[in-house]
């Protein structure tokens, strides 16, 4: 599939509503529990998505578009959301994520990016040279990865309860 901004926006604009629909009215047992202390809860994932929207996608795209002498990105703190989400409610996080994502999509659309801009490069601190197109495509896949992560954590909480059907449920094997 060829990369198109419109297809990116189709997915990333739906992520907040998808998460609110899936998680917005669930009990705390679904939101704050995980099957393993090293696996993020749905609460953690939404906090992480907010942190990424604040510090990763648009800020890095701006660095690329500025084409300064040193287009190196600031390192992304994958765990920076833990402190920021502390003492927040899940409803607050969902609302903040929806608002922030809408603003970021408006910024993205305002750039009217063409192929020339999408091929501009920035420097990732670990990966080296990356294009704007690669950064934006990663934004889309990052959202989908974390949606999968949430539903996997939720499904695995029922592993023992499904009994013999476990063999037919691929989500429990991942």
N, C-alpha and C. Protein backbone atom coordinates (compact mmCIF):
# COMPACT_ATOMS: atom_id res chain seq x y z
N UNK A 1 0.85 -1.18 0.00
CA UNK A 1 0.00 0.00 0.00
C UNK A 1 0.89 1.23 0.00
N UNK A 2 0.63 2.14 -0.91
CA UNK A 2 1.37 3.40 -0.95
C UNK A 2 0.93 4.28 0.21
N UNK A 3 1.89 5.00 0.77
CA UNK A 3 1.59 5.88 1.90
C UNK A 3 0.86 7.13 1.42
N UNK A 4 -0.24 7.44 2.10
CA UNK A 4 -0.98 8.67 1.83
C UNK A 4 -1.40 9.27 3.17
N UNK A 5 -1.25 10.59 3.27
CA UNK A 5 -1.63 11.28 4.51
C UNK A 5 -3.09 11.01 4.85
N UNK A 6 -3.95 10.99 3.85
CA UNK A 6 -5.37 10.78 4.11
C UNK A 6 -5.62 9.42 4.77
N UNK A 7 -4.87 8.40 4.38
CA UNK A 7 -5.04 7.08 4.99
C UNK A 7 -4.48 7.06 6.41
N UNK A 8 -3.40 7.79 6.64
CA UNK A 8 -2.88 7.95 7.99
C UNK A 8 -3.94 8.57 8.89
N UNK A 9 -4.51 9.66 8.42
CA UNK A 9 -5.50 10.40 9.20
C UNK A 9 -6.74 9.53 9.47
N UNK A 10 -7.11 8.68 8.51
CA UNK A 10 -8.25 7.78 8.73
C UNK A 10 -8.08 6.96 10.00
N UNK A 11 -6.88 6.44 10.19
CA UNK A 11 -6.63 5.59 11.36
C UNK A 11 -6.41 6.42 12.62
N UNK A 12 -5.45 7.35 12.58
CA UNK A 12 -5.09 8.04 13.82
C UNK A 12 -6.20 8.93 14.35
N UNK A 13 -7.11 9.34 13.49
CA UNK A 13 -8.23 10.15 13.99
C UNK A 13 -9.26 9.28 14.70
N UNK A 14 -9.27 7.99 14.43
CA UNK A 14 -10.22 7.08 15.06
C UNK A 14 -9.72 6.47 16.37
N UNK A 15 -8.42 6.54 16.60
CA UNK A 15 -7.86 5.87 17.79
C UNK A 15 -8.50 6.36 19.09
N UNK A 16 -8.61 7.67 19.34
CA UNK A 16 -9.23 8.09 20.61
C UNK A 16 -10.66 7.58 20.77
N UNK A 17 -11.47 7.67 19.72
CA UNK A 17 -12.86 7.20 19.80
C UNK A 17 -12.92 5.68 19.98
N UNK A 18 -12.01 4.98 19.32
CA UNK A 18 -11.95 3.52 19.46
C UNK A 18 -11.66 3.14 20.91
N UNK A 19 -10.68 3.80 21.50
CA UNK A 19 -10.32 3.49 22.89
C UNK A 19 -11.43 3.89 23.85
N UNK A 20 -12.06 5.02 23.60
CA UNK A 20 -13.16 5.44 24.47
C UNK A 20 -14.33 4.46 24.37
N UNK A 21 -14.63 4.02 23.15
CA UNK A 21 -15.72 3.07 22.96
C UNK A 21 -15.41 1.72 23.62
N UNK A 22 -14.18 1.26 23.45
CA UNK A 22 -13.78 -0.02 24.00
C UNK A 22 -13.65 0.00 25.52
N UNK A 23 -13.09 1.09 26.05
CA UNK A 23 -12.68 1.11 27.45
C UNK A 23 -13.44 2.09 28.35
N UNK A 24 -14.13 3.05 27.76
CA UNK A 24 -14.67 4.17 28.51
C UNK A 24 -15.62 3.86 29.64
N UNK A 25 -16.34 2.76 29.54
CA UNK A 25 -17.33 2.43 30.57
C UNK A 25 -17.03 1.14 31.30
N UNK A 26 -15.77 0.73 31.27
CA UNK A 26 -15.41 -0.53 31.92
C UNK A 26 -15.01 -0.31 33.37
N UNK A 27 -15.11 -1.38 34.13
CA UNK A 27 -14.71 -1.32 35.54
C UNK A 27 -13.20 -1.22 35.65
N UNK A 28 -12.74 -0.80 36.81
CA UNK A 28 -11.32 -0.64 37.07
C UNK A 28 -10.53 -1.93 36.86
N UNK A 29 -11.17 -3.06 37.06
CA UNK A 29 -10.47 -4.34 36.89
C UNK A 29 -9.95 -4.51 35.47
N UNK A 30 -10.68 -3.98 34.49
CA UNK A 30 -10.22 -4.05 33.10
C UNK A 30 -9.15 -2.99 32.80
N UNK A 31 -9.27 -1.84 33.41
CA UNK A 31 -8.42 -0.69 33.07
C UNK A 31 -7.05 -0.73 33.74
N UNK A 32 -7.01 -1.21 34.96
CA UNK A 32 -5.78 -1.12 35.75
C UNK A 32 -5.09 -2.47 35.99
N UNK A 33 -5.60 -3.55 35.40
CA UNK A 33 -5.00 -4.86 35.61
C UNK A 33 -4.24 -5.32 34.38
N UNK A 34 -3.23 -6.10 34.64
CA UNK A 34 -2.45 -6.72 33.58
C UNK A 34 -2.17 -8.16 34.00
N UNK A 35 -1.75 -8.95 33.05
CA UNK A 35 -1.44 -10.35 33.35
C UNK A 35 -0.02 -10.51 33.86
N UNK A 36 0.74 -9.44 33.79
CA UNK A 36 2.15 -9.50 34.18
C UNK A 36 2.57 -8.08 34.55
N UNK A 37 3.35 -7.94 35.59
CA UNK A 37 3.76 -6.60 36.03
C UNK A 37 4.60 -5.86 34.99
N UNK A 38 5.15 -6.58 34.02
CA UNK A 38 5.96 -5.96 32.98
C UNK A 38 5.16 -5.60 31.74
N UNK A 39 3.87 -5.89 31.75
CA UNK A 39 3.00 -5.59 30.61
C UNK A 39 2.07 -4.45 31.02
N UNK A 40 2.01 -3.44 30.17
CA UNK A 40 1.21 -2.25 30.49
C UNK A 40 -0.27 -2.56 30.53
N UNK A 41 -0.96 -1.85 31.42
CA UNK A 41 -2.41 -1.91 31.52
C UNK A 41 -3.00 -0.97 30.46
N UNK A 42 -4.30 -1.05 30.20
CA UNK A 42 -4.92 -0.08 29.30
C UNK A 42 -4.69 1.37 29.77
N UNK A 43 -4.71 1.62 31.07
CA UNK A 43 -4.43 2.95 31.60
C UNK A 43 -3.03 3.40 31.18
N UNK A 44 -2.06 2.51 31.34
CA UNK A 44 -0.68 2.83 30.97
C UNK A 44 -0.56 3.14 29.48
N UNK A 45 -1.24 2.36 28.65
CA UNK A 45 -1.14 2.53 27.20
C UNK A 45 -1.71 3.90 26.79
N UNK A 46 -2.84 4.28 27.33
CA UNK A 46 -3.41 5.58 26.97
C UNK A 46 -2.48 6.69 27.44
N UNK A 47 -1.90 6.57 28.62
CA UNK A 47 -0.92 7.55 29.07
C UNK A 47 0.27 7.63 28.12
N UNK A 48 0.72 6.49 27.64
CA UNK A 48 1.84 6.43 26.69
C UNK A 48 1.47 7.10 25.36
N UNK A 49 0.26 6.86 24.88
CA UNK A 49 -0.17 7.48 23.63
C UNK A 49 -0.21 9.00 23.76
N UNK A 50 -0.65 9.50 24.90
CA UNK A 50 -0.64 10.94 25.15
C UNK A 50 0.79 11.46 25.13
N UNK A 51 1.67 10.80 25.84
CA UNK A 51 3.07 11.21 25.91
C UNK A 51 3.69 11.23 24.51
N UNK A 52 3.39 10.23 23.70
CA UNK A 52 3.92 10.19 22.33
C UNK A 52 3.36 11.34 21.50
N UNK A 53 2.08 11.64 21.65
CA UNK A 53 1.50 12.75 20.90
C UNK A 53 2.09 14.09 21.34
N UNK A 54 2.47 14.20 22.60
CA UNK A 54 3.06 15.45 23.10
C UNK A 54 4.52 15.62 22.68
N UNK A 55 5.27 14.52 22.64
CA UNK A 55 6.72 14.65 22.53
C UNK A 55 7.34 13.97 21.31
N UNK A 56 6.57 13.23 20.55
CA UNK A 56 7.17 12.45 19.48
C UNK A 56 6.74 12.90 18.08
N UNK A 57 5.56 12.56 17.65
CA UNK A 57 5.18 12.66 16.24
C UNK A 57 5.28 14.07 15.67
N UNK A 58 4.53 15.00 16.19
CA UNK A 58 4.54 16.36 15.65
C UNK A 58 5.86 17.07 15.93
N UNK A 59 6.40 17.00 17.16
CA UNK A 59 7.70 17.64 17.39
C UNK A 59 8.81 17.12 16.47
N UNK A 60 8.83 15.83 16.22
CA UNK A 60 9.86 15.28 15.33
C UNK A 60 9.59 15.67 13.87
N UNK A 61 8.33 15.70 13.49
CA UNK A 61 8.00 16.13 12.13
C UNK A 61 8.43 17.59 11.93
N UNK A 62 8.24 18.41 12.94
CA UNK A 62 8.67 19.81 12.85
C UNK A 62 10.18 19.91 12.67
N UNK A 63 10.92 19.07 13.38
CA UNK A 63 12.38 19.07 13.22
C UNK A 63 12.76 18.73 11.79
N UNK A 64 12.10 17.73 11.22
CA UNK A 64 12.38 17.36 9.84
C UNK A 64 12.04 18.51 8.89
N UNK A 65 10.87 19.08 9.06
CA UNK A 65 10.42 20.14 8.14
C UNK A 65 11.27 21.41 8.25
N UNK A 66 11.85 21.68 9.41
CA UNK A 66 12.71 22.86 9.58
C UNK A 66 14.00 22.74 8.80
N UNK A 67 14.46 21.51 8.58
CA UNK A 67 15.70 21.25 7.85
C UNK A 67 16.87 22.08 8.37
N UNK A 68 17.03 22.08 9.69
CA UNK A 68 18.14 22.79 10.30
C UNK A 68 19.44 22.02 10.05
N UNK A 69 20.55 22.61 10.47
CA UNK A 69 21.84 21.95 10.29
C UNK A 69 21.94 20.66 11.09
N UNK A 70 21.22 20.59 12.20
CA UNK A 70 21.25 19.39 13.04
C UNK A 70 19.82 18.89 13.28
N UNK A 71 19.28 18.10 12.35
CA UNK A 71 17.89 17.63 12.48
C UNK A 71 17.76 16.37 13.34
N UNK A 72 18.48 16.35 14.47
CA UNK A 72 18.46 15.18 15.34
C UNK A 72 17.31 15.29 16.34
N UNK A 73 16.58 14.21 16.46
CA UNK A 73 15.44 14.17 17.39
C UNK A 73 15.95 14.03 18.82
N UNK A 74 15.16 14.59 19.74
CA UNK A 74 15.38 14.31 21.16
C UNK A 74 15.03 12.84 21.39
N UNK A 75 15.76 12.14 22.24
CA UNK A 75 15.37 10.75 22.55
C UNK A 75 13.96 10.72 23.14
N UNK A 76 13.22 9.70 22.78
CA UNK A 76 11.86 9.52 23.29
C UNK A 76 11.90 8.66 24.53
N UNK A 77 11.34 9.15 25.61
CA UNK A 77 11.28 8.40 26.86
C UNK A 77 10.02 7.53 26.83
N UNK A 78 10.18 6.27 26.48
CA UNK A 78 9.04 5.35 26.37
C UNK A 78 8.28 5.19 27.67
N UNK A 79 8.90 5.56 28.77
CA UNK A 79 8.27 5.38 30.07
C UNK A 79 7.90 6.72 30.72
N UNK A 80 8.03 7.80 30.00
CA UNK A 80 7.76 9.13 30.53
C UNK A 80 6.33 9.36 30.95
N UNK A 81 5.44 8.53 30.45
CA UNK A 81 4.02 8.69 30.77
C UNK A 81 3.68 8.28 32.20
N UNK A 82 4.49 7.43 32.81
CA UNK A 82 4.14 6.95 34.14
C UNK A 82 4.02 8.10 35.14
N UNK A 83 4.96 8.99 35.14
CA UNK A 83 4.92 10.12 36.08
C UNK A 83 3.80 11.09 35.70
N UNK A 84 3.63 11.35 34.41
CA UNK A 84 2.61 12.29 33.96
C UNK A 84 1.19 11.80 34.23
N UNK A 85 0.99 10.49 34.22
CA UNK A 85 -0.35 9.93 34.40
C UNK A 85 -0.72 9.71 35.86
N UNK A 86 0.28 9.80 36.72
CA UNK A 86 0.06 9.56 38.14
C UNK A 86 -1.04 10.49 38.66
N UNK A 87 -1.92 9.96 39.47
CA UNK A 87 -3.00 10.72 40.12
C UNK A 87 -4.04 11.26 39.13
N UNK A 88 -4.08 10.71 37.93
CA UNK A 88 -5.09 11.11 36.94
C UNK A 88 -6.17 10.03 36.87
N UNK A 89 -7.36 10.41 36.45
CA UNK A 89 -8.39 9.40 36.23
C UNK A 89 -8.29 8.92 34.79
N UNK A 90 -8.82 7.75 34.56
CA UNK A 90 -8.81 7.20 33.21
C UNK A 90 -9.68 8.06 32.28
N UNK A 91 -10.79 8.53 32.78
CA UNK A 91 -11.66 9.39 31.97
C UNK A 91 -10.91 10.66 31.54
N UNK A 92 -10.11 11.23 32.45
CA UNK A 92 -9.31 12.41 32.11
C UNK A 92 -8.31 12.09 31.01
N UNK A 93 -7.67 10.94 31.12
CA UNK A 93 -6.69 10.56 30.09
C UNK A 93 -7.35 10.39 28.73
N UNK A 94 -8.49 9.73 28.70
CA UNK A 94 -9.20 9.55 27.42
C UNK A 94 -9.57 10.89 26.80
N UNK A 95 -10.03 11.81 27.63
CA UNK A 95 -10.41 13.14 27.13
C UNK A 95 -9.19 13.91 26.64
N UNK A 96 -8.12 13.88 27.43
CA UNK A 96 -6.91 14.57 27.02
C UNK A 96 -6.37 14.01 25.71
N UNK A 97 -6.38 12.70 25.58
CA UNK A 97 -5.89 12.07 24.36
C UNK A 97 -6.72 12.50 23.15
N UNK A 98 -8.02 12.51 23.28
CA UNK A 98 -8.88 12.94 22.16
C UNK A 98 -8.60 14.38 21.76
N UNK A 99 -8.48 15.26 22.74
CA UNK A 99 -8.21 16.68 22.45
C UNK A 99 -6.85 16.87 21.79
N UNK A 100 -5.85 16.25 22.36
CA UNK A 100 -4.49 16.38 21.85
C UNK A 100 -4.37 15.79 20.45
N UNK A 101 -4.96 14.65 20.23
CA UNK A 101 -4.90 14.02 18.91
C UNK A 101 -5.57 14.89 17.85
N UNK A 102 -6.71 15.48 18.20
CA UNK A 102 -7.39 16.36 17.25
C UNK A 102 -6.51 17.54 16.88
N UNK A 103 -5.87 18.14 17.86
CA UNK A 103 -4.97 19.27 17.59
C UNK A 103 -3.80 18.84 16.70
N UNK A 104 -3.24 17.67 16.98
CA UNK A 104 -2.12 17.20 16.17
C UNK A 104 -2.53 16.89 14.74
N UNK A 105 -3.72 16.37 14.56
CA UNK A 105 -4.21 16.11 13.20
C UNK A 105 -4.42 17.42 12.45
N UNK A 106 -4.94 18.42 13.13
CA UNK A 106 -5.11 19.74 12.50
C UNK A 106 -3.76 20.32 12.07
N UNK A 107 -2.75 20.18 12.91
CA UNK A 107 -1.41 20.65 12.55
C UNK A 107 -0.91 19.88 11.33
N UNK A 108 -1.03 18.57 11.36
CA UNK A 108 -0.58 17.73 10.25
C UNK A 108 -1.26 18.14 8.94
N UNK A 109 -2.56 18.29 8.97
CA UNK A 109 -3.31 18.67 7.77
C UNK A 109 -2.89 20.06 7.27
N UNK A 110 -2.60 20.97 8.19
CA UNK A 110 -2.26 22.34 7.79
C UNK A 110 -0.96 22.41 7.00
N UNK A 111 -0.12 21.40 7.12
CA UNK A 111 1.15 21.40 6.41
C UNK A 111 1.00 21.10 4.92
N UNK A 112 -0.12 20.48 4.51
CA UNK A 112 -0.32 20.13 3.09
C UNK A 112 0.92 19.48 2.50
N UNK A 113 1.34 18.40 3.10
CA UNK A 113 2.59 17.75 2.73
C UNK A 113 2.50 17.08 1.36
N UNK A 114 3.57 17.24 0.62
CA UNK A 114 3.71 16.56 -0.66
C UNK A 114 4.88 15.60 -0.61
N UNK A 115 5.13 14.92 -1.72
CA UNK A 115 6.20 13.93 -1.77
C UNK A 115 7.56 14.52 -1.40
N UNK A 116 7.81 15.74 -1.81
CA UNK A 116 9.11 16.35 -1.50
C UNK A 116 9.33 16.44 0.01
N UNK A 117 8.31 16.93 0.73
CA UNK A 117 8.43 17.03 2.19
C UNK A 117 8.48 15.64 2.84
N UNK A 118 7.69 14.72 2.34
CA UNK A 118 7.64 13.38 2.93
C UNK A 118 8.98 12.65 2.82
N UNK A 119 9.80 13.05 1.87
CA UNK A 119 11.11 12.42 1.69
C UNK A 119 12.23 13.14 2.43
N UNK A 120 11.90 14.25 3.10
CA UNK A 120 12.92 14.93 3.91
C UNK A 120 13.32 14.03 5.07
N UNK A 121 14.56 14.24 5.56
CA UNK A 121 15.08 13.35 6.60
C UNK A 121 15.40 14.08 7.89
N UNK A 122 15.25 13.34 8.95
CA UNK A 122 15.71 13.73 10.28
C UNK A 122 16.59 12.61 10.79
N UNK A 123 17.19 12.85 11.94
CA UNK A 123 18.09 11.86 12.51
C UNK A 123 17.51 11.33 13.82
N UNK A 124 17.19 10.06 13.82
CA UNK A 124 16.73 9.38 15.03
C UNK A 124 17.96 9.02 15.85
N UNK A 125 17.94 9.25 17.18
CA UNK A 125 19.13 9.00 18.00
C UNK A 125 19.62 7.55 18.00
N UNK A 126 18.76 6.60 17.68
CA UNK A 126 19.18 5.20 17.64
C UNK A 126 19.18 4.62 16.23
N UNK A 127 18.25 5.05 15.40
CA UNK A 127 18.06 4.44 14.08
C UNK A 127 18.79 5.16 12.95
N UNK A 128 19.24 6.37 13.21
CA UNK A 128 19.90 7.15 12.16
C UNK A 128 18.89 7.89 11.30
N UNK A 129 19.23 8.08 10.03
CA UNK A 129 18.39 8.87 9.12
C UNK A 129 17.05 8.18 8.86
N UNK A 130 15.97 8.94 9.02
CA UNK A 130 14.62 8.48 8.73
C UNK A 130 13.89 9.58 7.99
N UNK A 131 12.94 9.20 7.15
CA UNK A 131 12.17 10.20 6.42
C UNK A 131 10.91 10.59 7.18
N UNK A 132 10.35 11.71 6.79
CA UNK A 132 9.08 12.14 7.39
C UNK A 132 8.01 11.10 7.11
N UNK A 133 8.01 10.54 5.90
CA UNK A 133 7.03 9.51 5.57
C UNK A 133 7.15 8.32 6.52
N UNK A 134 8.37 7.90 6.83
CA UNK A 134 8.57 6.78 7.75
C UNK A 134 8.09 7.13 9.16
N UNK A 135 8.37 8.35 9.59
CA UNK A 135 7.90 8.78 10.91
C UNK A 135 6.38 8.74 10.98
N UNK A 136 5.72 9.27 9.97
CA UNK A 136 4.26 9.33 9.99
C UNK A 136 3.63 7.94 9.86
N UNK A 137 4.22 7.08 9.04
CA UNK A 137 3.72 5.71 8.93
C UNK A 137 3.88 4.98 10.26
N UNK A 138 4.95 5.28 10.97
CA UNK A 138 5.19 4.67 12.27
C UNK A 138 4.13 5.13 13.27
N UNK A 139 3.69 6.37 13.18
CA UNK A 139 2.62 6.88 14.04
C UNK A 139 1.38 6.00 13.90
N UNK A 140 1.00 5.72 12.66
CA UNK A 140 -0.18 4.89 12.39
C UNK A 140 0.01 3.49 12.98
N UNK A 141 1.15 2.87 12.70
CA UNK A 141 1.38 1.51 13.17
C UNK A 141 1.53 1.48 14.69
N UNK A 142 2.08 2.53 15.27
CA UNK A 142 2.19 2.63 16.73
C UNK A 142 0.80 2.59 17.36
N UNK A 143 -0.14 3.34 16.81
CA UNK A 143 -1.51 3.30 17.33
C UNK A 143 -2.08 1.89 17.27
N UNK A 144 -1.94 1.25 16.10
CA UNK A 144 -2.50 -0.09 15.94
C UNK A 144 -1.83 -1.10 16.86
N UNK A 145 -0.53 -0.94 17.06
CA UNK A 145 0.21 -1.83 17.96
C UNK A 145 -0.34 -1.73 19.38
N UNK A 146 -0.61 -0.52 19.82
CA UNK A 146 -1.09 -0.36 21.19
C UNK A 146 -2.55 -0.75 21.35
N UNK A 147 -3.35 -0.62 20.31
CA UNK A 147 -4.72 -1.15 20.38
C UNK A 147 -4.65 -2.67 20.53
N UNK A 148 -3.79 -3.30 19.73
CA UNK A 148 -3.61 -4.75 19.87
C UNK A 148 -3.11 -5.11 21.27
N UNK A 149 -2.19 -4.33 21.80
CA UNK A 149 -1.65 -4.59 23.13
C UNK A 149 -2.77 -4.56 24.18
N UNK A 150 -3.65 -3.58 24.08
CA UNK A 150 -4.75 -3.46 25.04
C UNK A 150 -5.67 -4.68 24.98
N UNK A 151 -6.11 -5.05 23.78
CA UNK A 151 -7.05 -6.17 23.70
C UNK A 151 -6.39 -7.49 24.06
N UNK A 152 -5.09 -7.60 23.82
CA UNK A 152 -4.37 -8.82 24.22
C UNK A 152 -4.31 -8.94 25.73
N UNK A 153 -3.99 -7.84 26.41
CA UNK A 153 -3.95 -7.86 27.87
C UNK A 153 -5.32 -8.21 28.44
N UNK A 154 -6.36 -7.65 27.85
CA UNK A 154 -7.71 -7.94 28.34
C UNK A 154 -8.08 -9.40 28.10
N UNK A 155 -7.77 -9.91 26.92
CA UNK A 155 -8.10 -11.30 26.61
C UNK A 155 -7.35 -12.27 27.52
N UNK A 156 -6.08 -11.98 27.75
CA UNK A 156 -5.27 -12.89 28.56
C UNK A 156 -5.75 -12.97 30.01
N UNK A 157 -6.50 -11.99 30.45
CA UNK A 157 -7.06 -12.06 31.80
C UNK A 157 -8.11 -13.17 31.91
N UNK A 158 -8.56 -13.64 30.76
CA UNK A 158 -9.59 -14.70 30.74
C UNK A 158 -9.02 -16.06 30.34
N UNK A 159 -7.71 -16.17 30.26
CA UNK A 159 -7.08 -17.41 29.78
C UNK A 159 -7.58 -18.64 30.52
N UNK A 160 -7.56 -18.59 31.82
CA UNK A 160 -7.98 -19.76 32.60
C UNK A 160 -9.48 -20.03 32.45
N UNK A 161 -10.25 -18.99 32.26
CA UNK A 161 -11.70 -19.14 32.21
C UNK A 161 -12.22 -19.77 30.92
N UNK A 162 -11.46 -19.67 29.82
CA UNK A 162 -11.96 -20.22 28.55
C UNK A 162 -11.76 -21.73 28.45
N UNK A 163 -10.97 -22.29 29.35
CA UNK A 163 -10.78 -23.73 29.37
C UNK A 163 -10.19 -24.26 28.07
N UNK A 164 -10.80 -25.34 27.57
CA UNK A 164 -10.28 -26.03 26.39
C UNK A 164 -10.30 -25.17 25.13
N UNK A 165 -11.11 -24.12 25.09
CA UNK A 165 -11.16 -23.27 23.91
C UNK A 165 -9.86 -22.47 23.70
N UNK A 166 -9.02 -22.45 24.73
CA UNK A 166 -7.77 -21.70 24.64
C UNK A 166 -7.01 -22.06 23.36
N UNK A 167 -7.03 -23.31 22.96
CA UNK A 167 -6.30 -23.76 21.78
C UNK A 167 -6.81 -23.09 20.48
N UNK A 168 -8.03 -22.60 20.49
CA UNK A 168 -8.61 -21.99 19.29
C UNK A 168 -8.52 -20.46 19.29
N UNK A 169 -8.02 -19.88 20.36
CA UNK A 169 -8.00 -18.43 20.52
C UNK A 169 -6.58 -17.90 20.36
N UNK A 170 -6.24 -17.50 19.16
CA UNK A 170 -4.86 -17.10 18.85
C UNK A 170 -4.36 -15.94 19.69
N UNK A 171 -5.25 -15.08 20.14
CA UNK A 171 -4.84 -13.93 20.94
C UNK A 171 -4.22 -14.37 22.27
N UNK A 172 -4.59 -15.54 22.73
CA UNK A 172 -4.05 -16.03 23.99
C UNK A 172 -2.66 -16.66 23.81
N UNK A 173 -2.25 -16.85 22.58
CA UNK A 173 -0.95 -17.45 22.28
C UNK A 173 0.11 -16.42 21.95
N UNK A 174 -0.29 -15.18 21.79
CA UNK A 174 0.70 -14.16 21.39
C UNK A 174 1.44 -13.61 22.59
